[in-house]
C-alpha atoms as a PDB file:
ATOM      1  CA  MET A   1      25.524  81.016 250.925  1.00  0.00           C
ATOM      2  CA  ASN A   2      22.203  82.537 251.887  1.00  0.00           C
ATOM      3  CA  ASN A   3      21.877  85.613 254.074  1.00  0.00           C
ATOM      4  CA  LYS A   4      20.677  83.696 257.144  1.00  0.00           C
ATOM      5  CA  LYS A   5      23.838  81.581 257.112  1.00  0.00           C
ATOM      6  CA  LYS A   6      25.934  84.694 256.584  1.00  0.00           C
ATOM      7  CA  ILE A   7      24.289  86.305 259.618  1.00  0.00           C
ATOM      8  CA  LYS A   8      25.050  83.267 261.777  1.00  0.00           C
ATOM      9  CA  LYS A   9      28.702  83.302 260.689  1.00  0.00           C
ATOM     10  CA  MET A  10      28.982  87.035 261.244  1.00  0.00           C
ATOM     11  CA  GLU A  11      27.422  86.684 264.709  1.00  0.00           C
ATOM     12  CA  THR A  12      30.048  84.047 265.533  1.00  0.00           C
ATOM     13  CA  LEU A  13      32.743  86.419 264.304  1.00  0.00           C
ATOM     14  CA  LEU A  14      31.288  89.193 266.449  1.00  0.00           C
ATOM     15  CA  GLU A  15      31.429  86.951 269.523  1.00  0.00           C
ATOM     16  CA  LYS A  16      35.094  86.197 268.817  1.00  0.00           C
ATOM     17  CA  LEU A  17      35.886  89.880 268.378  1.00  0.00           C
ATOM     18  CA  THR A  18      34.159  90.671 271.669  1.00  0.00           C
ATOM     19  CA  ILE A  19      36.289  88.069 273.428  1.00  0.00           C
ATOM     20  CA  LEU A  20      39.409  89.548 271.822  1.00  0.00           C
ATOM     21  CA  TYR A  21      38.366  93.021 272.942  1.00  0.00           C
ATOM     22  CA  CYS A  22      37.900  91.839 276.531  1.00  0.00           C
ATOM     23  CA  ASP A  23      41.252  90.036 276.423  1.00  0.00           C
ATOM     24  CA  SER A  24      42.967  93.150 275.117  1.00  0.00           C
ATOM     25  CA  VAL A  25      41.502  95.299 277.888  1.00  0.00           C
ATOM     26  CA  GLU A  26      42.486  92.720 280.494  1.00  0.00           C
ATOM     27  CA  ILE A  27      46.055  92.357 279.213  1.00  0.00           C
ATOM     28  CA  LEU A  28      46.691  96.066 278.772  1.00  0.00           C
ATOM     29  CA  GLU A  29      44.568  97.022 281.810  1.00  0.00           C
ATOM     30  CA  THR A  30      42.758  99.754 279.899  1.00  0.00           C
ATOM     31  CA  ASP A  31      40.414 100.156 276.961  1.00  0.00           C
ATOM     32  CA  ASP A  32      42.329 103.249 275.858  1.00  0.00           C
ATOM     33  CA  ASN A  33      44.815 101.556 273.552  1.00  0.00           C
ATOM     34  CA  ASP A  34      45.187 101.029 269.825  1.00  0.00           C
ATOM     35  CA  ALA A  35      44.415  97.300 269.933  1.00  0.00           C
ATOM     36  CA  SER A  36      41.140  97.733 271.803  1.00  0.00           C
ATOM     37  CA  LYS A  37      40.104 100.620 269.575  1.00  0.00           C
ATOM     38  CA  ALA A  38      40.827  98.622 266.416  1.00  0.00           C
ATOM     39  CA  ILE A  39      38.839  95.639 267.694  1.00  0.00           C
ATOM     40  CA  SER A  40      35.969  97.942 268.630  1.00  0.00           C
ATOM     41  CA  ILE A  41      35.921  99.363 265.102  1.00  0.00           C
ATOM     42  CA  ALA A  42      35.882  95.841 263.695  1.00  0.00           C
ATOM     43  CA  GLU A  43      32.974  94.956 265.997  1.00  0.00           C
ATOM     44  CA  SER A  44      31.032  97.968 264.738  1.00  0.00           C
ATOM     45  CA  SER A  45      31.712  97.011 261.129  1.00  0.00           C
ATOM     46  CA  VAL A  46      30.498  93.457 261.718  1.00  0.00           C
ATOM     47  CA  GLN A  47      27.375  94.752 263.498  1.00  0.00           C
ATOM     48  CA  ASP A  48      26.664  97.038 260.540  1.00  0.00           C
ATOM     49  CA  GLU A  49      27.053  94.120 258.130  1.00  0.00           C
ATOM     50  CA  ILE A  50      24.693  91.958 260.197  1.00  0.00           C
ATOM     51  CA  GLU A  51      22.110  94.738 260.189  1.00  0.00           C
ATOM     52  CA  TRP A  52      22.473  95.136 256.408  1.00  0.00           C
ATOM     53  CA  LEU A  53      21.968  91.383 255.897  1.00  0.00           C
ATOM     54  CA  ARG A  54      18.864  91.422 258.114  1.00  0.00           C
ATOM     55  CA  LYS A  55      17.428  94.278 256.066  1.00  0.00           C
ATOM     56  CA  ALA A  56      18.199  92.366 252.862  1.00  0.00           C
ATOM     57  CA  ILE A  57      16.249  89.378 254.218  1.00  0.00           C
ATOM     58  CA  GLU A  58      13.364  91.674 255.124  1.00  0.00           C
ATOM     59  CA  ILE A  59      13.340  93.194 251.628  1.00  0.00           C
ATOM     60  CA  ASP A  60      13.454  89.724 250.047  1.00  0.00           C
ATOM     61  CA  ASN A  61      10.528  88.606 252.208  1.00  0.00           C
ATOM     62  CA  GLN A  62       8.516  91.686 251.245  1.00  0.00           C
ATOM     63  CA  SER A  63       9.269  91.094 247.570  1.00  0.00           C
ATOM     64  CA  GLU A  64       8.150  87.480 247.827  1.00  0.00           C
ATOM     65  CA  GLN A  65       4.911  88.520 249.516  1.00  0.00           C
ATOM     66  CA  GLY A  66       4.235  91.096 246.823  1.00  0.00           C
ATOM     67  CA  VAL A  67       4.631  88.480 244.081  1.00  0.00           C
ATOM     68  CA  ASP A  68       1.997  86.162 245.511  1.00  0.00           C
END
């Protein structure tokens, strides 16, 4: 799977995590709980991965331009 497809899938995952986070806050009536904190950490990890994949695409594009 190429990095662009991975980014799209990770963005979908991030959207689902955000919904879960909002649901957790609504159910527990606070964002100061273990579930919300864990989901928030997962969101951050997914965001970091998306950023890494975007940088990898940028590096690949620069490498391709340097070859030509």
